Amino acid sequence: MKGDQKSAQQKKSWNYVIRSGLAGGIAGCAILFQASNPEYQKYSGRWLGFLQAGHKIVQQQGVLGLFHGHSATLLRIFPYATVKYMAYDFFHMALMPKPKDETSLRLFLAGSMSGVLSVFLTYPLDLVRVRLAFDTKSKPQPGSLRNIVCKIYHEGIEMSTDGTPPRHLLLNRYPILKFYRGFFATVMGMVPYAGTSFLVFGRTKSLMYRLLLNQDTHGHPLSSDPPPVPVSRTTVDLSSGALAGAISQTASYPFEVVRRRLQVSGLLHPERLVRFSETAAWIYKTNGISGFYIGLGIGYLKVVPMTAISFAVWSGMKRYLDV
């Protein structure tokens, strides 16, 4: 009992919070894979089309064109991962202070809330990243990141007869909303994505540690018997993360498709905020149900290794930092 109380007090200290955030930030930066260039979307997720799109971008912009928007990704991923993993530790402690309190529903809630919070704080950077990746018609120019930010801020401003922007328009009164285009779709997708990924990772890791390593998730032996299978904890973490990535990507992918369409809607309808239902209806009318799963196979190539490495590095860094 005293050990549990001491552990709970340590988790509430700033020292623990900083180390937890550092572990999450490093985990997020462990792998950066830029595969969201909308040029790929024109080929409906076909593997041959994917390669053709990549070849076209290289011809037009050179190899660096494949990483258009990567600077915004670098700026976003560390704070995003830091908040997500640090918030998960916080919500996990708040909802499940003792091991016996750990349930699938609470694991899902802790993951979902941490994902939503991290998205809210870093969403403008994600929007800028998508816009940079979408801009593939010409060779990127120096200062393109700044230009995209200025363009988003000023898009859709209508002038009145005296040359001043009318104040009654929502986007003119609250320009910050322009940096949250598609936020509702992102949150709707983040709830099943983050919730499922943390739930599956936690349950799979616990099961594999018990069956393969004869240990609990903290690495403590469950009995004096030797491990049934000679595998490392990192291998188990990678396997659990890969499964979590595959299942969570499948559960949330339709929202991802809608989110990307909404994020570039400012280029098509800069004067207003396009609704989630409007975008979903357009996708269904254009491609049917399959339209919500365009590029899912390619998405696995990105998300599965990314999630596996991210979770494994997060777990490894927590062991190293004694979190």
C-alpha atoms as a PDB file:
ATOM      1  CA  MET A   1       0.000   0.000   0.000  1.00  0.00           C
ATOM      2  CA  LYS A   2       2.789   2.417   0.924  1.00  0.00           C
ATOM      3  CA  GLY A   3       4.607   1.538  -2.284  1.00  0.00           C
ATOM      4  CA  ASP A   4       1.519   2.408  -4.346  1.00  0.00           C
ATOM      5  CA  GLN A   5       1.118   5.735  -2.541  1.00  0.00           C
ATOM      6  CA  LYS A   6       4.794   6.586  -3.089  1.00  0.00           C
ATOM      7  CA  SER A   7       4.515   5.724  -6.778  1.00  0.00           C
ATOM      8  CA  ALA A   8       1.387   7.874  -7.123  1.00  0.00           C
ATOM      9  CA  GLN A   9       3.122  10.835  -5.478  1.00  0.00           C
ATOM     10  CA  GLN A  10       6.120  10.474  -7.788  1.00  0.00           C
ATOM     11  CA  LYS A  11       3.862  10.490 -10.847  1.00  0.00           C
ATOM     12  CA  LYS A  12       2.366  13.810  -9.735  1.00  0.00           C
ATOM     13  CA  SER A  13       5.774  15.520  -9.454  1.00  0.00           C
ATOM     14  CA  TRP A  14       7.139  17.890 -12.134  1.00  0.00           C
ATOM     15  CA  ASN A  15      10.219  15.711 -12.455  1.00  0.00           C
ATOM     16  CA  TYR A  16       8.032  12.807 -13.530  1.00  0.00           C
ATOM     17  CA  VAL A  17       5.988  14.996 -15.894  1.00  0.00           C
ATOM     18  CA  ILE A  18       9.096  16.336 -17.639  1.00  0.00           C
ATOM     19  CA  ARG A  19      10.633  12.883 -18.051  1.00  0.00           C
ATOM     20  CA  SER A  20       7.334  11.490 -19.298  1.00  0.00           C
ATOM     21  CA  GLY A  21       7.027  14.297 -21.844  1.00  0.00           C
ATOM     22  CA  LEU A  22      10.620  13.828 -22.986  1.00  0.00           C
ATOM     23  CA  ALA A  23      10.047  10.108 -23.514  1.00  0.00           C
ATOM     24  CA  GLY A  24       6.936  10.841 -25.587  1.00  0.00           C
ATOM     25  CA  GLY A  25       8.600  13.558 -27.665  1.00  0.00           C
ATOM     26  CA  ILE A  26      11.545  11.338 -28.538  1.00  0.00           C
ATOM     27  CA  ALA A  27       9.158   8.511 -29.402  1.00  0.00           C
ATOM     28  CA  GLY A  28       7.294  10.775 -31.811  1.00  0.00           C
ATOM     29  CA  CYS A  29      10.474  11.919 -33.523  1.00  0.00           C
ATOM     30  CA  ALA A  30      11.838   8.378 -33.821  1.00  0.00           C
ATOM     31  CA  ILE A  31      10.261   8.034 -37.261  1.00  0.00           C
ATOM     32  CA  LEU A  32       9.106  10.766 -39.649  1.00  0.00           C
ATOM     33  CA  PHE A  33       7.575   9.472 -42.853  1.00  0.00           C
ATOM     34  CA  GLN A  34       6.060  11.941 -45.321  1.00  0.00           C
ATOM     35  CA  ALA A  35       3.471  10.022 -47.310  1.00  0.00           C
ATOM     36  CA  SER A  36       0.537  12.421 -47.262  1.00  0.00           C
ATOM     37  CA  ASN A  37       1.266  14.258 -50.505  1.00  0.00           C
ATOM     38  CA  PRO A  38      -2.212  14.652 -52.099  1.00  0.00           C
ATOM     39  CA  GLU A  39      -0.751  13.911 -55.522  1.00  0.00           C
ATOM     40  CA  TYR A  40      -1.020  10.254 -54.464  1.00  0.00           C
ATOM     41  CA  GLN A  41      -4.758  10.571 -53.890  1.00  0.00           C
ATOM     42  CA  LYS A  42      -5.418  11.007 -57.622  1.00  0.00           C
ATOM     43  CA  TYR A  43      -4.633   7.355 -58.197  1.00  0.00           C
ATOM     44  CA  SER A  44      -7.265   5.925 -55.817  1.00  0.00           C
ATOM     45  CA  GLY A  45      -4.718   4.083 -53.683  1.00  0.00           C
ATOM     46  CA  ARG A  46      -3.453   1.783 -56.461  1.00  0.00           C
ATOM     47  CA  TRP A  47       0.124   0.649 -55.922  1.00  0.00           C
ATOM     48  CA  LEU A  48       1.124   1.390 -59.528  1.00  0.00           C
ATOM     49  CA  GLY A  49      -0.488   4.793 -59.264  1.00  0.00           C
ATOM     50  CA  PHE A  50       1.374   5.441 -56.042  1.00  0.00           C
ATOM     51  CA  LEU A  51       4.686   4.833 -57.781  1.00  0.00           C
ATOM     52  CA  GLN A  52       3.619   6.927 -60.778  1.00  0.00           C
ATOM     53  CA  ALA A  53       2.698   9.817 -58.490  1.00  0.00           C
ATOM     54  CA  GLY A  54       6.066   9.638 -56.762  1.00  0.00           C
ATOM     55  CA  HIS A  55       7.865   9.598 -60.120  1.00  0.00           C
ATOM     56  CA  LYS A  56       5.871  12.624 -61.297  1.00  0.00           C
ATOM     57  CA  ILE A  57       6.728  14.631 -58.179  1.00  0.00           C
ATOM     58  CA  VAL A  58      10.428  13.814 -58.549  1.00  0.00           C
ATOM     59  CA  GLN A  59      10.335  14.913 -62.199  1.00  0.00           C
ATOM     60  CA  GLN A  60       8.656  18.227 -61.359  1.00  0.00           C
ATOM     61  CA  GLN A  61      10.372  19.147 -58.107  1.00  0.00           C
ATOM     62  CA  GLY A  62      13.257  16.773 -57.600  1.00  0.00           C
ATOM     63  CA  VAL A  63      13.680  14.353 -54.721  1.00  0.00           C
ATOM     64  CA  LEU A  64      13.027  17.120 -52.173  1.00  0.00           C
ATOM     65  CA  GLY A  65       9.480  17.380 -53.532  1.00  0.00           C
ATOM     66  CA  LEU A  66       8.677  14.104 -51.773  1.00  0.00           C
ATOM     67  CA  PHE A  67       9.383  15.875 -48.486  1.00  0.00           C
ATOM     68  CA  HIS A  68       7.384  19.032 -49.245  1.00  0.00           C
ATOM     69  CA  GLY A  69       5.858  20.049 -45.915  1.00  0.00           C
ATOM     70  CA  HIS A  70       8.436  18.092 -43.916  1.00  0.00           C
ATOM     71  CA  SER A  71       9.629  21.206 -42.058  1.00  0.00           C
ATOM     72  CA  ALA A  72       6.128  21.694 -40.653  1.00  0.00           C
ATOM     73  CA  THR A  73       6.073  18.016 -39.690  1.00  0.00           C
ATOM     74  CA  LEU A  74       9.290  18.455 -37.739  1.00  0.00           C
ATOM     75  CA  LEU A  75       7.837  21.454 -35.922  1.00  0.00           C
ATOM     76  CA  ARG A  76       4.630  19.588 -35.106  1.00  0.00           C
ATOM     77  CA  ILE A  77       5.625  16.048 -34.233  1.00  0.00           C
ATOM     78  CA  PHE A  78       7.668  16.690 -31.067  1.00  0.00           C
ATOM     79  CA  PRO A  79       5.050  18.806 -29.217  1.00  0.00           C
ATOM     80  CA  TYR A  80       2.263  16.540 -30.530  1.00  0.00           C
ATOM     81  CA  ALA A  81       3.917  13.349 -29.284  1.00  0.00           C
ATOM     82  CA  THR A  82       5.048  15.014 -26.054  1.00  0.00           C
ATOM     83  CA  VAL A  83       1.514  16.116 -25.173  1.00  0.00           C
ATOM     84  CA  LYS A  84      -0.076  12.834 -26.289  1.00  0.00           C
ATOM     85  CA  TYR A  85       2.126  10.464 -24.296  1.00  0.00           C
ATOM     86  CA  MET A  86       2.432  12.772 -21.290  1.00  0.00           C
ATOM     87  CA  ALA A  87      -1.342  13.283 -21.228  1.00  0.00           C
ATOM     88  CA  TYR A  88      -1.894   9.526 -21.516  1.00  0.00           C
ATOM     89  CA  ASP A  89       0.253   8.921 -18.439  1.00  0.00           C
ATOM     90  CA  PHE A  90      -1.728  11.599 -16.609  1.00  0.00           C
ATOM     91  CA  PHE A  91      -5.151  10.265 -17.628  1.00  0.00           C
ATOM     92  CA  HIS A  92      -4.035   6.698 -16.954  1.00  0.00           C
ATOM     93  CA  MET A  93      -3.030   7.687 -13.429  1.00  0.00           C
ATOM     94  CA  ALA A  94      -6.261   9.640 -12.890  1.00  0.00           C
ATOM     95  CA  LEU A  95      -8.576   6.921 -14.201  1.00  0.00           C
ATOM     96  CA  MET A  96      -6.578   3.872 -13.075  1.00  0.00           C
ATOM     97  CA  PRO A  97      -4.517   4.703  -9.969  1.00  0.00           C
ATOM     98  CA  LYS A  98      -4.208   0.994  -9.142  1.00  0.00           C
ATOM     99  CA  PRO A  99      -3.615  -2.016 -11.444  1.00  0.00           C
ATOM    100  CA  LYS A 100      -6.978  -3.512 -10.442  1.00  0.00           C
ATOM    101  CA  ASP A 101      -8.716  -0.370 -11.771  1.00  0.00           C
ATOM    102  CA  GLU A 102      -7.409  -0.964 -15.299  1.00  0.00           C
ATOM    103  CA  THR A 103     -10.248  -1.843 -17.687  1.00  0.00           C
ATOM    104  CA  SER A 104     -10.549  -1.793 -21.465  1.00  0.00           C
ATOM    105  CA  LEU A 105     -13.000   1.116 -21.346  1.00  0.00           C
ATOM    106  CA  ARG A 106     -10.699   3.219 -19.170  1.00  0.00           C
ATOM    107  CA  LEU A 107      -7.694   2.420 -21.357  1.00  0.00           C
ATOM    108  CA  PHE A 108      -9.717   3.522 -24.381  1.00  0.00           C
ATOM    109  CA  LEU A 109     -10.840   6.729 -22.644  1.00  0.00           C
ATOM    110  CA  ALA A 110      -7.312   7.612 -21.527  1.00  0.00           C
ATOM    111  CA  GLY A 111      -5.991   7.118 -25.058  1.00  0.00           C
ATOM    112  CA  SER A 112      -8.831   9.066 -26.659  1.00  0.00           C
ATOM    113  CA  MET A 113      -8.555  12.038 -24.311  1.00  0.00           C
ATOM    114  CA  SER A 114      -4.792  12.250 -24.714  1.00  0.00           C
ATOM    115  CA  GLY A 115      -5.153  12.133 -28.495  1.00  0.00           C
ATOM    116  CA  VAL A 116      -7.824  14.848 -28.594  1.00  0.00           C
ATOM    117  CA  LEU A 117      -5.808  17.149 -26.320  1.00  0.00           C
ATOM    118  CA  SER A 118      -2.632  16.767 -28.384  1.00  0.00           C
ATOM    119  CA  VAL A 119      -4.516  17.406 -31.626  1.00  0.00           C
ATOM    120  CA  PHE A 120      -6.185  20.526 -30.259  1.00  0.00           C
ATOM    121  CA  LEU A 121      -2.859  22.058 -29.240  1.00  0.00           C
ATOM    122  CA  THR A 122      -0.986  21.222 -32.461  1.00  0.00           C
ATOM    123  CA  TYR A 123      -3.712  21.202 -35.151  1.00  0.00           C
ATOM    124  CA  PRO A 124      -2.691  24.496 -36.863  1.00  0.00           C
ATOM    125  CA  LEU A 125       0.754  23.018 -37.541  1.00  0.00           C
ATOM    126  CA  ASP A 126      -0.869  19.912 -39.022  1.00  0.00           C
ATOM    127  CA  LEU A 127      -3.006  22.069 -41.327  1.00  0.00           C
ATOM    128  CA  VAL A 128       0.075  23.968 -42.503  1.00  0.00           C
ATOM    129  CA  ARG A 129       1.867  20.666 -43.126  1.00  0.00           C
ATOM    130  CA  VAL A 130      -0.974  19.359 -45.294  1.00  0.00           C
ATOM    131  CA  ARG A 131      -1.167  22.611 -47.252  1.00  0.00           C
ATOM    132  CA  LEU A 132       2.580  22.504 -47.902  1.00  0.00           C
ATOM    133  CA  ALA A 133       2.345  18.909 -49.095  1.00  0.00           C
ATOM    134  CA  PHE A 134      -0.685  19.762 -51.265  1.00  0.00           C
ATOM    135  CA  ASP A 135       1.173  22.563 -53.030  1.00  0.00           C
ATOM    136  CA  THR A 136       2.956  20.425 -55.634  1.00  0.00           C
ATOM    137  CA  LYS A 137       2.255  22.415 -58.787  1.00  0.00           C
ATOM    138  CA  SER A 138       5.486  24.405 -58.691  1.00  0.00           C
ATOM    139  CA  LYS A 139       8.926  24.027 -57.203  1.00  0.00           C
ATOM    140  CA  PRO A 140       8.872  25.104 -53.551  1.00  0.00           C
ATOM    141  CA  GLN A 141      10.364  28.533 -52.954  1.00  0.00           C
ATOM    142  CA  PRO A 142      12.322  29.763 -49.913  1.00  0.00           C
ATOM    143  CA  GLY A 143       9.992  30.948 -47.180  1.00  0.00           C
ATOM    144  CA  SER A 144       7.128  28.742 -48.385  1.00  0.00           C
ATOM    145  CA  LEU A 145       6.207  27.875 -44.787  1.00  0.00           C
ATOM    146  CA  ARG A 146       5.702  31.543 -43.935  1.00  0.00           C
ATOM    147  CA  ASN A 147       3.818  32.139 -47.193  1.00  0.00           C
ATOM    148  CA  ILE A 148       1.398  29.292 -46.493  1.00  0.00           C
ATOM    149  CA  VAL A 149       0.685  30.610 -42.986  1.00  0.00           C
ATOM    150  CA  CYS A 150       0.010  34.112 -44.333  1.00  0.00           C
ATOM    151  CA  LYS A 151      -2.168  32.711 -47.108  1.00  0.00           C
ATOM    152  CA  ILE A 152      -4.311  30.730 -44.667  1.00  0.00           C
ATOM    153  CA  TYR A 153      -4.694  33.754 -42.391  1.00  0.00           C
ATOM    154  CA  HIS A 154      -5.836  36.069 -45.204  1.00  0.00           C
ATOM    155  CA  GLU A 155      -7.879  33.677 -47.329  1.00  0.00           C
ATOM    156  CA  GLY A 156     -11.574  34.380 -47.681  1.00  0.00           C
ATOM    157  CA  ILE A 157     -11.420  38.022 -46.573  1.00  0.00           C
ATOM    158  CA  GLU A 158     -14.132  39.914 -48.461  1.00  0.00           C
ATOM    159  CA  MET A 159     -13.897  43.680 -48.726  1.00  0.00           C
ATOM    160  CA  SER A 160     -16.807  46.079 -48.215  1.00  0.00           C
ATOM    161  CA  THR A 161     -17.452  49.159 -50.328  1.00  0.00           C
ATOM    162  CA  ASP A 162     -15.107  51.277 -48.209  1.00  0.00           C
ATOM    163  CA  GLY A 163     -12.228  48.816 -48.586  1.00  0.00           C
ATOM    164  CA  THR A 164     -12.406  47.315 -45.096  1.00  0.00           C
ATOM    165  CA  PRO A 165     -13.206  43.654 -44.408  1.00  0.00           C
ATOM    166  CA  PRO A 166     -16.775  43.165 -43.132  1.00  0.00           C
ATOM    167  CA  ARG A 167     -16.848  42.160 -39.476  1.00  0.00           C
ATOM    168  CA  HIS A 168     -19.985  40.028 -39.635  1.00  0.00           C
ATOM    169  CA  LEU A 169     -18.254  37.148 -41.404  1.00  0.00           C
ATOM    170  CA  LEU A 170     -17.201  34.414 -38.955  1.00  0.00           C
ATOM    171  CA  LEU A 171     -13.802  33.827 -40.538  1.00  0.00           C
ATOM    172  CA  ASN A 172     -13.048  37.562 -40.527  1.00  0.00           C
ATOM    173  CA  ARG A 173     -14.052  37.992 -36.886  1.00  0.00           C
ATOM    174  CA  TYR A 174     -12.100  34.927 -35.726  1.00  0.00           C
ATOM    175  CA  PRO A 175      -9.191  34.291 -38.145  1.00  0.00           C
ATOM    176  CA  ILE A 176      -7.867  31.540 -35.863  1.00  0.00           C
ATOM    177  CA  LEU A 177     -10.731  29.348 -37.116  1.00  0.00           C
ATOM    178  CA  LYS A 178      -9.041  29.218 -40.517  1.00  0.00           C
ATOM    179  CA  PHE A 179      -6.263  27.179 -38.917  1.00  0.00           C
ATOM    180  CA  TYR A 180      -8.813  24.660 -37.609  1.00  0.00           C
ATOM    181  CA  ARG A 181     -10.429  23.623 -40.895  1.00  0.00           C
ATOM    182  CA  GLY A 182     -11.287  19.936 -40.585  1.00  0.00           C
ATOM    183  CA  PHE A 183     -10.740  19.909 -36.816  1.00  0.00           C
ATOM    184  CA  PHE A 184     -14.117  18.274 -36.102  1.00  0.00           C
ATOM    185  CA  ALA A 185     -13.326  15.407 -38.491  1.00  0.00           C
ATOM    186  CA  THR A 186      -9.893  15.056 -36.929  1.00  0.00           C
ATOM    187  CA  VAL A 187     -11.344  14.773 -33.433  1.00  0.00           C
ATOM    188  CA  MET A 188     -13.913  12.237 -34.603  1.00  0.00           C
ATOM    189  CA  GLY A 189     -11.099  10.191 -36.120  1.00  0.00           C
ATOM    190  CA  MET A 190      -8.727  10.694 -33.197  1.00  0.00           C
ATOM    191  CA  VAL A 191     -11.145   9.217 -30.659  1.00  0.00           C
ATOM    192  CA  PRO A 192     -11.186   5.720 -32.244  1.00  0.00           C
ATOM    193  CA  TYR A 193      -7.552   5.994 -33.431  1.00  0.00           C
ATOM    194  CA  ALA A 194      -5.848   7.005 -30.192  1.00  0.00           C
ATOM    195  CA  GLY A 195      -8.291   5.099 -28.003  1.00  0.00           C
ATOM    196  CA  THR A 196      -7.908   1.876 -29.974  1.00  0.00           C
ATOM    197  CA  SER A 197      -4.129   2.166 -30.372  1.00  0.00           C
ATOM    198  CA  PHE A 198      -3.472   2.623 -26.642  1.00  0.00           C
ATOM    199  CA  LEU A 199      -6.042  -0.040 -25.744  1.00  0.00           C
ATOM    200  CA  VAL A 200      -4.662  -2.649 -28.162  1.00  0.00           C
ATOM    201  CA  PHE A 201      -1.053  -1.831 -27.289  1.00  0.00           C
ATOM    202  CA  GLY A 202      -1.698  -2.060 -23.571  1.00  0.00           C
ATOM    203  CA  ARG A 203      -3.660  -5.295 -23.713  1.00  0.00           C
ATOM    204  CA  THR A 204      -1.380  -6.988 -26.273  1.00  0.00           C
ATOM    205  CA  LYS A 205       1.779  -5.928 -24.439  1.00  0.00           C
ATOM    206  CA  SER A 206       0.420  -7.224 -21.126  1.00  0.00           C
ATOM    207  CA  LEU A 207      -0.582 -10.561 -22.690  1.00  0.00           C
ATOM    208  CA  MET A 208       2.709 -11.081 -24.552  1.00  0.00           C
ATOM    209  CA  TYR A 209       4.819 -10.106 -21.532  1.00  0.00           C
ATOM    210  CA  ARG A 210       2.944 -12.667 -19.451  1.00  0.00           C
ATOM    211  CA  LEU A 211       3.014 -15.481 -22.025  1.00  0.00           C
ATOM    212  CA  LEU A 212       6.451 -14.938 -23.586  1.00  0.00           C
ATOM    213  CA  LEU A 213       8.524 -13.253 -20.873  1.00  0.00           C
ATOM    214  CA  ASN A 214       6.799 -14.350 -17.655  1.00  0.00           C
ATOM    215  CA  GLN A 215       6.817 -10.677 -16.565  1.00  0.00           C
ATOM    216  CA  ASP A 216       4.375  -7.891 -15.886  1.00  0.00           C
ATOM    217  CA  THR A 217       4.451  -4.747 -18.035  1.00  0.00           C
ATOM    218  CA  HIS A 218       7.029  -3.171 -15.693  1.00  0.00           C
ATOM    219  CA  GLY A 219       9.432  -6.068 -16.253  1.00  0.00           C
ATOM    220  CA  HIS A 220       8.933  -7.685 -12.847  1.00  0.00           C
ATOM    221  CA  PRO A 221       9.016 -11.526 -12.885  1.00  0.00           C
ATOM    222  CA  LEU A 222       5.657 -13.161 -12.247  1.00  0.00           C
ATOM    223  CA  SER A 223       7.297 -16.362 -10.988  1.00  0.00           C
ATOM    224  CA  SER A 224      10.693 -17.986 -10.616  1.00  0.00           C
ATOM    225  CA  ASP A 225      10.250 -19.943 -13.854  1.00  0.00           C
ATOM    226  CA  PRO A 226      12.455 -18.927 -16.813  1.00  0.00           C
ATOM    227  CA  PRO A 227      10.834 -17.059 -19.759  1.00  0.00           C
ATOM    228  CA  PRO A 228       9.074 -19.507 -22.120  1.00  0.00           C
ATOM    229  CA  VAL A 229      10.420 -17.706 -25.214  1.00  0.00           C
ATOM    230  CA  PRO A 230      13.821 -15.949 -25.370  1.00  0.00           C
ATOM    231  CA  VAL A 231      12.712 -12.624 -26.866  1.00  0.00           C
ATOM    232  CA  SER A 232      13.540  -9.084 -25.804  1.00  0.00           C
ATOM    233  CA  ARG A 233      11.088  -6.598 -24.348  1.00  0.00           C
ATOM    234  CA  THR A 234      11.733  -4.326 -27.334  1.00  0.00           C
ATOM    235  CA  THR A 235      10.600  -7.062 -29.729  1.00  0.00           C
ATOM    236  CA  VAL A 236       7.385  -7.481 -27.773  1.00  0.00           C
ATOM    237  CA  ASP A 237       6.840  -3.708 -27.718  1.00  0.00           C
ATOM    238  CA  LEU A 238       7.367  -3.501 -31.497  1.00  0.00           C
ATOM    239  CA  SER A 239       4.940  -6.359 -32.159  1.00  0.00           C
ATOM    240  CA  SER A 240       2.291  -4.898 -29.861  1.00  0.00           C
ATOM    241  CA  GLY A 241       2.706  -1.454 -31.447  1.00  0.00           C
ATOM    242  CA  ALA A 242       2.415  -2.843 -34.971  1.00  0.00           C
ATOM    243  CA  LEU A 243      -0.862  -4.600 -34.164  1.00  0.00           C
ATOM    244  CA  ALA A 244      -2.161  -1.463 -32.456  1.00  0.00           C
ATOM    245  CA  GLY A 245      -1.260   0.613 -35.506  1.00  0.00           C
ATOM    246  CA  ALA A 246      -3.000  -1.723 -37.960  1.00  0.00           C
ATOM    247  CA  ILE A 247      -6.251  -1.966 -35.985  1.00  0.00           C
ATOM    248  CA  SER A 248      -6.447   1.732 -35.089  1.00  0.00           C
ATOM    249  CA  GLN A 249      -5.700   2.777 -38.680  1.00  0.00           C
ATOM    250  CA  THR A 250      -8.537   0.600 -39.974  1.00  0.00           C
ATOM    251  CA  ALA A 251     -10.987   1.950 -37.382  1.00  0.00           C
ATOM    252  CA  SER A 252     -10.250   5.630 -38.029  1.00  0.00           C
ATOM    253  CA  TYR A 253      -9.305   5.766 -41.726  1.00  0.00           C
ATOM    254  CA  PRO A 254     -12.666   7.063 -43.079  1.00  0.00           C
ATOM    255  CA  PHE A 255     -12.325  10.089 -40.800  1.00  0.00           C
ATOM    256  CA  GLU A 256      -8.763  10.564 -42.045  1.00  0.00           C
ATOM    257  CA  VAL A 257      -9.993  10.765 -45.646  1.00  0.00           C
ATOM    258  CA  VAL A 258     -12.632  13.358 -44.722  1.00  0.00           C
ATOM    259  CA  ARG A 259     -10.102  15.309 -42.645  1.00  0.00           C
ATOM    260  CA  ARG A 260      -7.667  15.704 -45.524  1.00  0.00           C
ATOM    261  CA  ARG A 261     -10.400  16.880 -47.854  1.00  0.00           C
ATOM    262  CA  LEU A 262     -11.523  19.437 -45.280  1.00  0.00           C
ATOM    263  CA  GLN A 263      -7.990  20.677 -44.674  1.00  0.00           C
ATOM    264  CA  VAL A 264      -7.557  21.619 -48.341  1.00  0.00           C
ATOM    265  CA  SER A 265     -11.112  22.969 -48.609  1.00  0.00           C
ATOM    266  CA  GLY A 266      -9.739  26.441 -47.983  1.00  0.00           C
ATOM    267  CA  LEU A 267      -8.179  26.322 -51.435  1.00  0.00           C
ATOM    268  CA  LEU A 268     -11.546  25.507 -53.030  1.00  0.00           C
ATOM    269  CA  HIS A 269     -13.906  27.439 -50.739  1.00  0.00           C
ATOM    270  CA  PRO A 270     -11.778  30.050 -48.905  1.00  0.00           C
ATOM    271  CA  GLU A 271     -14.799  32.163 -48.032  1.00  0.00           C
ATOM    272  CA  ARG A 272     -16.449  29.655 -45.690  1.00  0.00           C
ATOM    273  CA  LEU A 273     -15.964  26.645 -43.449  1.00  0.00           C
ATOM    274  CA  VAL A 274     -16.970  23.490 -45.316  1.00  0.00           C
ATOM    275  CA  ARG A 275     -19.071  21.139 -43.182  1.00  0.00           C
ATOM    276  CA  PHE A 276     -18.094  17.594 -42.263  1.00  0.00           C
ATOM    277  CA  SER A 277     -21.381  16.192 -43.583  1.00  0.00           C
ATOM    278  CA  GLU A 278     -20.960  18.058 -46.860  1.00  0.00           C
ATOM    279  CA  THR A 279     -17.500  16.596 -47.441  1.00  0.00           C
ATOM    280  CA  ALA A 280     -18.548  13.071 -46.444  1.00  0.00           C
ATOM    281  CA  ALA A 281     -21.523  13.250 -48.819  1.00  0.00           C
ATOM    282  CA  TRP A 282     -19.271  14.393 -51.680  1.00  0.00           C
ATOM    283  CA  ILE A 283     -16.848  11.490 -51.098  1.00  0.00           C
ATOM    284  CA  TYR A 284     -19.720   8.975 -51.023  1.00  0.00           C
ATOM    285  CA  LYS A 285     -21.314  10.441 -54.153  1.00  0.00           C
ATOM    286  CA  THR A 286     -18.009  10.388 -56.021  1.00  0.00           C
ATOM    287  CA  ASN A 287     -16.607   6.972 -55.034  1.00  0.00           C
ATOM    288  CA  GLY A 288     -19.163   5.259 -52.825  1.00  0.00           C
ATOM    289  CA  ILE A 289     -18.158   3.475 -49.619  1.00  0.00           C
ATOM    290  CA  SER A 290     -14.779   2.570 -51.115  1.00  0.00           C
ATOM    291  CA  GLY A 291     -13.998   6.277 -51.331  1.00  0.00           C
ATOM    292  CA  PHE A 292     -13.539   6.359 -47.561  1.00  0.00           C
ATOM    293  CA  TYR A 293     -10.807   3.701 -47.804  1.00  0.00           C
ATOM    294  CA  ILE A 294      -8.784   5.045 -50.722  1.00  0.00           C
ATOM    295  CA  GLY A 295      -5.109   4.560 -49.953  1.00  0.00           C
ATOM    296  CA  LEU A 296      -5.671   2.388 -46.863  1.00  0.00           C
ATOM    297  CA  GLY A 297      -3.033  -0.118 -48.007  1.00  0.00           C
ATOM    298  CA  ILE A 298      -0.473   2.643 -48.408  1.00  0.00           C
ATOM    299  CA  GLY A 299      -1.605   3.996 -45.057  1.00  0.00           C
ATOM    300  CA  TYR A 300      -0.601   0.696 -43.460  1.00  0.00           C
ATOM    301  CA  LEU A 301       2.915   1.141 -44.848  1.00  0.00           C
ATOM    302  CA  LYS A 302       3.125   4.433 -43.001  1.00  0.00           C
ATOM    303  CA  VAL A 303       1.165   3.894 -39.795  1.00  0.00           C
ATOM    304  CA  VAL A 304       2.066   0.307 -38.832  1.00  0.00           C
ATOM    305  CA  PRO A 305       5.867   0.779 -38.634  1.00  0.00           C
ATOM    306  CA  MET A 306       5.439   4.313 -37.317  1.00  0.00           C
ATOM    307  CA  THR A 307       3.187   3.192 -34.471  1.00  0.00           C
ATOM    308  CA  ALA A 308       5.342   0.145 -33.706  1.00  0.00           C
ATOM    309  CA  ILE A 309       8.545   2.188 -33.462  1.00  0.00           C
ATOM    310  CA  SER A 310       6.840   5.034 -31.612  1.00  0.00           C
ATOM    311  CA  PHE A 311       5.394   2.765 -28.916  1.00  0.00           C
ATOM    312  CA  ALA A 312       8.640   0.774 -28.630  1.00  0.00           C
ATOM    313  CA  VAL A 313      10.763   3.917 -28.261  1.00  0.00           C
ATOM    314  CA  TRP A 314       8.253   5.354 -25.781  1.00  0.00           C
ATOM    315  CA  SER A 315       8.426   2.206 -23.655  1.00  0.00           C
ATOM    316  CA  GLY A 316      12.229   2.042 -23.971  1.00  0.00           C
ATOM    317  CA  MET A 317      12.673   5.711 -23.046  1.00  0.00           C
ATOM    318  CA  LYS A 318      10.376   5.300 -20.024  1.00  0.00           C
ATOM    319  CA  ARG A 319      12.567   2.424 -18.851  1.00  0.00           C
ATOM    320  CA  TYR A 320      15.718   4.461 -19.473  1.00  0.00           C
ATOM    321  CA  LEU A 321      14.353   7.559 -17.719  1.00  0.00           C
ATOM    322  CA  ASP A 322      12.814   5.442 -14.951  1.00  0.00           C
ATOM    323  CA  VAL A 323       9.322   6.757 -15.608  1.00  0.00           C
END
